[in-house]
PDB file of N, CA and C in Angstrom:
ATOM      1  N   UNK A   1     117.180  52.437  79.513  1.00  0.00           N
ATOM      2  CA  UNK A   1     117.402  53.551  80.596  1.00  0.00           C
ATOM      3  C   UNK A   1     117.771  53.224  81.599  1.00  0.00           C
ATOM      4  N   UNK A   2     118.961  53.250  81.961  1.00  0.00           N
ATOM      5  CA  UNK A   2     119.900  52.735  82.902  1.00  0.00           C
ATOM      6  C   UNK A   2     119.640  53.829  84.362  1.00  0.00           C
ATOM      7  N   UNK A   3     120.096  53.305  85.383  1.00  0.00           N
ATOM      8  CA  UNK A   3     119.787  54.321  86.754  1.00  0.00           C
ATOM      9  C   UNK A   3     120.221  55.912  86.510  1.00  0.00           C
ATOM     10  N   UNK A   4     121.960  55.714  86.304  1.00  0.00           N
ATOM     11  CA  UNK A   4     122.298  57.049  85.878  1.00  0.00           C
ATOM     12  C   UNK A   4     121.593  57.802  84.779  1.00  0.00           C
ATOM     13  N   UNK A   5     121.208  57.494  84.033  1.00  0.00           N
ATOM     14  CA  UNK A   5     120.487  58.228  82.872  1.00  0.00           C
ATOM     15  C   UNK A   5     119.381  58.858  83.727  1.00  0.00           C
ATOM     16  N   UNK A   6     118.690  57.962  84.291  1.00  0.00           N
ATOM     17  CA  UNK A   6     117.107  57.974  84.928  1.00  0.00           C
ATOM     18  C   UNK A   6     117.645  59.299  86.031  1.00  0.00           C
ATOM     19  N   UNK A   7     118.355  59.304  86.384  1.00  0.00           N
ATOM     20  CA  UNK A   7     118.867  60.116  87.547  1.00  0.00           C
ATOM     21  C   UNK A   7     118.869  61.490  87.185  1.00  0.00           C
ATOM     22  N   UNK A   8     120.090  61.505  85.950  1.00  0.00           N
ATOM     23  CA  UNK A   8     120.551  62.665  85.455  1.00  0.00           C
ATOM     24  C   UNK A   8     119.026  63.622  84.339  1.00  0.00           C
ATOM     25  N   UNK A   9     118.421  62.690  84.122  1.00  0.00           N
ATOM     26  CA  UNK A   9     116.917  63.368  83.510  1.00  0.00           C
ATOM     27  C   UNK A   9     116.055  63.886  84.805  1.00  0.00           C
ATOM     28  N   UNK A  10     116.078  63.196  85.835  1.00  0.00           N
ATOM     29  CA  UNK A  10     115.443  63.857  87.218  1.00  0.00           C
ATOM     30  C   UNK A  10     115.871  65.059  87.489  1.00  0.00           C
ATOM     31  N   UNK A  11     117.287  64.989  87.145  1.00  0.00           N
ATOM     32  CA  UNK A  11     117.714  66.236  88.115  1.00  0.00           C
ATOM     33  C   UNK A  11     117.454  67.387  87.152  1.00  0.00           C
ATOM     34  N   UNK A  12     117.826  67.154  85.737  1.00  0.00           N
ATOM     35  CA  UNK A  12     117.554  68.042  84.748  1.00  0.00           C
ATOM     36  C   UNK A  12     116.317  68.890  84.628  1.00  0.00           C
ATOM     37  N   UNK A  13     115.165  68.111  84.987  1.00  0.00           N
ATOM     38  CA  UNK A  13     113.953  68.302  85.370  1.00  0.00           C
ATOM     39  C   UNK A  13     113.814  69.319  86.157  1.00  0.00           C
ATOM     40  N   UNK A  14     114.716  68.725  87.127  1.00  0.00           N
ATOM     41  CA  UNK A  14     114.415  69.605  88.772  1.00  0.00           C
ATOM     42  C   UNK A  14     114.835  70.846  88.626  1.00  0.00           C
ATOM     43  N   UNK A  15     116.099  71.178  87.482  1.00  0.00           N
ATOM     44  CA  UNK A  15     116.696  72.582  87.632  1.00  0.00           C
ATOM     45  C   UNK A  15     115.750  73.395  86.894  1.00  0.00           C
ATOM     46  N   UNK A  16     115.062  72.786  85.814  1.00  0.00           N
ATOM     47  CA  UNK A  16     114.005  73.397  84.886  1.00  0.00           C
ATOM     48  C   UNK A  16     112.580  73.847  85.699  1.00  0.00           C
ATOM     49  N   UNK A  17     112.617  72.851  86.619  1.00  0.00           N
ATOM     50  CA  UNK A  17     111.246  73.511  87.389  1.00  0.00           C
ATOM     51  C   UNK A  17     111.564  74.258  88.354  1.00  0.00           C
ATOM     52  N   UNK A  18     112.961  74.016  89.012  1.00  0.00           N
ATOM     53  CA  UNK A  18     112.832  75.769  89.604  1.00  0.00           C
ATOM     54  C   UNK A  18     113.277  76.922  89.269  1.00  0.00           C
ATOM     55  N   UNK A  19     113.431  76.770  87.674  1.00  0.00           N
ATOM     56  CA  UNK A  19     114.073  78.047  87.418  1.00  0.00           C
ATOM     57  C   UNK A  19     112.219  78.538  86.906  1.00  0.00           C
ATOM     58  N   UNK A  20     111.705  77.506  86.470  1.00  0.00           N
ATOM     59  CA  UNK A  20     110.185  78.293  85.922  1.00  0.00           C
ATOM     60  C   UNK A  20     109.397  78.629  87.253  1.00  0.00           C
ATOM     61  N   UNK A  21     109.611  78.143  88.400  1.00  0.00           N
ATOM     62  CA  UNK A  21     109.171  78.651  89.854  1.00  0.00           C
ATOM     63  C   UNK A  21     109.651  80.039  89.812  1.00  0.00           C
ATOM     64  N   UNK A  22     111.264  79.765  89.892  1.00  0.00           N
ATOM     65  CA  UNK A  22     111.846  81.253  89.888  1.00  0.00           C
ATOM     66  C   UNK A  22     111.114  82.302  89.535  1.00  0.00           C
ATOM     67  N   UNK A  23     110.742  82.035  88.118  1.00  0.00           N
ATOM     68  CA  UNK A  23     110.377  82.929  87.023  1.00  0.00           C
ATOM     69  C   UNK A  23     108.737  83.363  87.534  1.00  0.00           C
ATOM     70  N   UNK A  24     108.155  82.064  87.931  1.00  0.00           N
ATOM     71  CA  UNK A  24     106.813  83.042  88.177  1.00  0.00           C
ATOM     72  C   UNK A  24     106.794  83.638  89.305  1.00  0.00           C
ATOM     73  N   UNK A  25     107.319  83.445  90.039  1.00  0.00           N
ATOM     74  CA  UNK A  25     107.551  83.894  91.868  1.00  0.00           C
ATOM     75  C   UNK A  25     107.674  85.488  91.308  1.00  0.00           C
ATOM     76  N   UNK A  26     108.983  85.575  90.461  1.00  0.00           N
ATOM     77  CA  UNK A  26     109.508  87.155  90.102  1.00  0.00           C
ATOM     78  C   UNK A  26     108.117  87.576  89.593  1.00  0.00           C
ATOM     79  N   UNK A  27     107.598  87.361  88.447  1.00  0.00           N
ATOM     80  CA  UNK A  27     106.220  87.809  87.880  1.00  0.00           C
ATOM     81  C   UNK A  27     105.203  88.164  89.168  1.00  0.00           C
ATOM     82  N   UNK A  28     104.929  87.404  90.098  1.00  0.00           N
ATOM     83  CA  UNK A  28     103.615  87.485  91.287  1.00  0.00           C
ATOM     84  C   UNK A  28     104.559  88.674  91.713  1.00  0.00           C
ATOM     85  N   UNK A  29     105.486  88.740  91.947  1.00  0.00           N
ATOM     86  CA  UNK A  29     106.196  89.748  92.940  1.00  0.00           C
ATOM     87  C   UNK A  29     105.773  91.313  92.377  1.00  0.00           C
ATOM     88  N   UNK A  30     106.250  91.392  91.171  1.00  0.00           N
ATOM     89  CA  UNK A  30     106.053  92.622  90.115  1.00  0.00           C
ATOM     90  C   UNK A  30     104.414  92.719  90.172  1.00  0.00           C
ATOM     91  N   UNK A  31     103.632  91.878  89.851  1.00  0.00           N
ATOM     92  CA  UNK A  31     102.084  91.800  89.887  1.00  0.00           C
ATOM     93  C   UNK A  31     101.451  92.560  91.046  1.00  0.00           C
ATOM     94  N   UNK A  32     102.134  92.218  92.256  1.00  0.00           N
ATOM     95  CA  UNK A  32     101.436  92.199  93.525  1.00  0.00           C
ATOM     96  C   UNK A  32     101.866  93.855  93.778  1.00  0.00           C
ATOM     97  N   UNK A  33     103.311  94.327  93.443  1.00  0.00           N
ATOM     98  CA  UNK A  33     103.784  95.357  93.430  1.00  0.00           C
ATOM     99  C   UNK A  33     102.651  96.717  92.794  1.00  0.00           C
ATOM    100  N   UNK A  34     102.235  95.950  91.707  1.00  0.00           N
ATOM    101  CA  UNK A  34     101.622  96.994  90.706  1.00  0.00           C
ATOM    102  C   UNK A  34      99.978  97.017  91.467  1.00  0.00           C
ATOM    103  N   UNK A  35      99.688  95.640  91.860  1.00  0.00           N
ATOM    104  CA  UNK A  35      98.294  96.036  92.537  1.00  0.00           C
ATOM    105  C   UNK A  35      98.380  96.956  93.690  1.00  0.00           C
ATOM    106  N   UNK A  36      99.349  96.845  94.544  1.00  0.00           N
ATOM    107  CA  UNK A  36      99.484  97.711  95.985  1.00  0.00           C
ATOM    108  C   UNK A  36      99.596  99.312  95.068  1.00  0.00           C
ATOM    109  N   UNK A  37     100.269  99.184  93.918  1.00  0.00           N
ATOM    110  CA  UNK A  37     100.452 100.889  93.715  1.00  0.00           C
ATOM    111  C   UNK A  37      99.153 101.346  93.046  1.00  0.00           C
ATOM    112  N   UNK A  38      97.996 100.391  92.551  1.00  0.00           N
ATOM    113  CA  UNK A  38      97.035 101.210  92.104  1.00  0.00           C
ATOM    114  C   UNK A  38      96.079 101.122  93.352  1.00  0.00           C
ATOM    115  N   UNK A  39      96.202 100.376  94.014  1.00  0.00           N
ATOM    116  CA  UNK A  39      95.391 100.639  95.402  1.00  0.00           C
ATOM    117  C   UNK A  39      95.453 102.119  96.047  1.00  0.00           C
ATOM    118  N   UNK A  40      96.714 102.078  96.151  1.00  0.00           N
ATOM    119  CA  UNK A  40      96.975 103.705  96.503  1.00  0.00           C
ATOM    120  C   UNK A  40      96.811 104.549  95.577  1.00  0.00           C
ATOM    121  N   UNK A  41      96.545 104.474  94.321  1.00  0.00           N
ATOM    122  CA  UNK A  41      96.147 105.672  93.623  1.00  0.00           C
ATOM    123  C   UNK A  41      94.590 105.522  93.507  1.00  0.00           C
ATOM    124  N   UNK A  42      94.211 104.546  93.518  1.00  0.00           N
ATOM    125  CA  UNK A  42      92.496 104.505  93.664  1.00  0.00           C
ATOM    126  C   UNK A  42      92.064 105.241  95.208  1.00  0.00           C
ATOM    127  N   UNK A  43      92.845 104.712  96.544  1.00  0.00           N
ATOM    128  CA  UNK A  43      92.717 105.738  97.382  1.00  0.00           C
ATOM    129  C   UNK A  43      92.721 107.112  97.075  1.00  0.00           C
ATOM    130  N   UNK A  44      93.589 107.528  96.697  1.00  0.00           N
ATOM    131  CA  UNK A  44      94.034 109.347  96.661  1.00  0.00           C
ATOM    132  C   UNK A  44      92.876 109.506  95.296  1.00  0.00           C
ATOM    133  N   UNK A  45      92.165 108.710  94.576  1.00  0.00           N
ATOM    134  CA  UNK A  45      91.513 109.400  93.739  1.00  0.00           C
ATOM    135  C   UNK A  45      89.943 109.429  94.622  1.00  0.00           C
ATOM    136  N   UNK A  46      89.531 108.628  95.292  1.00  0.00           N
ATOM    137  CA  UNK A  46      88.298 108.429  95.999  1.00  0.00           C
ATOM    138  C   UNK A  46      88.483 109.381  96.970  1.00  0.00           C
ATOM    139  N   UNK A  47      89.592 109.975  97.719  1.00  0.00           N
ATOM    140  CA  UNK A  47      89.750 110.895  98.565  1.00  0.00           C
ATOM    141  C   UNK A  47      89.348 112.401  97.717  1.00  0.00           C
ATOM    142  N   UNK A  48      90.177 112.550  96.349  1.00  0.00           N
ATOM    143  CA  UNK A  48      89.986 113.664  95.770  1.00  0.00           C
ATOM    144  C   UNK A  48      88.654 113.635  94.906  1.00  0.00           C
ATOM    145  N   UNK A  49      88.201 112.920  95.155  1.00  0.00           N
ATOM    146  CA  UNK A  49      86.370 112.836  94.380  1.00  0.00           C
ATOM    147  C   UNK A  49      85.532 113.406  95.639  1.00  0.00           C
ATOM    148  N   UNK A  50      85.862 112.662  96.696  1.00  0.00           N
ATOM    149  CA  UNK A  50      85.120 113.162  97.706  1.00  0.00           C
ATOM    150  C   UNK A  50      85.121 114.613  98.361  1.00  0.00           C
ATOM    151  N   UNK A  51      86.509 115.291  98.169  1.00  0.00           N
ATOM    152  CA  UNK A  51      86.386 116.681  98.176  1.00  0.00           C
ATOM    153  C   UNK A  51      85.906 117.395  97.300  1.00  0.00           C
ATOM    154  N   UNK A  52      85.756 116.762  95.819  1.00  0.00           N
ATOM    155  CA  UNK A  52      85.215 117.787  94.910  1.00  0.00           C
ATOM    156  C   UNK A  52      83.853 117.641  95.259  1.00  0.00           C
ATOM    157  N   UNK A  53      83.171 116.564  95.561  1.00  0.00           N
ATOM    158  CA  UNK A  53      81.954 116.588  95.687  1.00  0.00           C
ATOM    159  C   UNK A  53      81.530 117.065  96.943  1.00  0.00           C
ATOM    160  N   UNK A  54      82.167 117.395  98.145  1.00  0.00           N
ATOM    161  CA  UNK A  54      81.908 118.461  99.061  1.00  0.00           C
ATOM    162  C   UNK A  54      82.077 119.664  98.909  1.00  0.00           C
ATOM    163  N   UNK A  55      83.218 119.951  97.757  1.00  0.00           N
ATOM    164  CA  UNK A  55      83.171 121.227  97.108  1.00  0.00           C
ATOM    165  C   UNK A  55      82.081 122.060  95.980  1.00  0.00           C
ATOM    166  N   UNK A  56      81.440 120.827  95.397  1.00  0.00           N
ATOM    167  CA  UNK A  56      80.421 121.206  94.640  1.00  0.00           C
ATOM    168  C   UNK A  56      79.170 120.589  94.873  1.00  0.00           C
ATOM    169  N   UNK A  57      79.158 119.596  95.879  1.00  0.00           N
ATOM    170  CA  UNK A  57      77.631 119.178  95.733  1.00  0.00           C
ATOM    171  C   UNK A  57      76.229 120.179  96.145  1.00  0.00           C
ATOM    172  N   UNK A  58      76.516 121.268  96.638  1.00  0.00           N
ATOM    173  CA  UNK A  58      75.214 122.238  97.003  1.00  0.00           C
ATOM    174  C   UNK A  58      74.669 122.563  95.447  1.00  0.00           C
ATOM    175  N   UNK A  59      75.591 122.575  94.504  1.00  0.00           N
ATOM    176  CA  UNK A  59      75.284 123.096  93.139  1.00  0.00           C
ATOM    177  C   UNK A  59      74.195 122.105  92.570  1.00  0.00           C
ATOM    178  N   UNK A  60      74.192 120.900  92.841  1.00  0.00           N
ATOM    179  CA  UNK A  60      73.916 119.616  92.556  1.00  0.00           C
ATOM    180  C   UNK A  60      72.564 119.608  93.001  1.00  0.00           C
ATOM    181  N   UNK A  61      71.998 119.991  94.381  1.00  0.00           N
ATOM    182  CA  UNK A  61      71.354 120.068  94.686  1.00  0.00           C
ATOM    183  C   UNK A  61      70.217 121.247  94.116  1.00  0.00           C
ATOM    184  N   UNK A  62      70.626 121.934  93.491  1.00  0.00           N
ATOM    185  CA  UNK A  62      69.648 123.000  92.803  1.00  0.00           C
ATOM    186  C   UNK A  62      68.338 122.099  91.418  1.00  0.00           C
ATOM    187  N   UNK A  63      67.580 122.817  91.277  1.00  0.00           N
ATOM    188  CA  UNK A  63      66.275 122.439  90.448  1.00  0.00           C
ATOM    189  C   UNK A  63      67.097 122.993  89.075  1.00  0.00           C
ATOM    190  N   UNK A  64      66.488 121.630  88.059  1.00  0.00           N
ATOM    191  CA  UNK A  64      67.352 121.945  86.753  1.00  0.00           C
ATOM    192  C   UNK A  64      66.548 123.120  86.238  1.00  0.00           C
ATOM    193  N   UNK A  65      67.248 123.736  85.098  1.00  0.00           N
ATOM    194  CA  UNK A  65      66.657 124.880  84.389  1.00  0.00           C
ATOM    195  C   UNK A  65      65.180 124.381  83.883  1.00  0.00           C
ATOM    196  N   UNK A  66      64.724 125.637  83.643  1.00  0.00           N
ATOM    197  CA  UNK A  66      63.570 125.090  83.175  1.00  0.00           C
ATOM    198  C   UNK A  66      63.371 124.655  81.785  1.00  0.00           C
ATOM    199  N   UNK A  67      64.259 124.188  81.089  1.00  0.00           N
ATOM    200  CA  UNK A  67      64.095 123.762  79.590  1.00  0.00           C
ATOM    201  C   UNK A  67      64.254 122.283  79.488  1.00  0.00           C
ATOM    202  N   UNK A  68      64.523 121.710  80.745  1.00  0.00           N
ATOM    203  CA  UNK A  68      64.370 120.274  80.881  1.00  0.00           C
ATOM    204  C   UNK A  68      63.112 119.811  80.856  1.00  0.00           C
TER     205      UNK A  68
END
């Protein structure tokens, strides 16, 4: 294998590596957006849960019915 063939092979590999890195980066960006969206949803659900516990928390403190 002469020098020109070796350089061509290296350039070809570099192009494929650049393409792979870009594809991985795209997936990572999409996953980060999903994580951020899920964190916002989780915060909203926790807030709603705390509000509901505040509204119905007093009923939970009552003694259980006699059949328990």
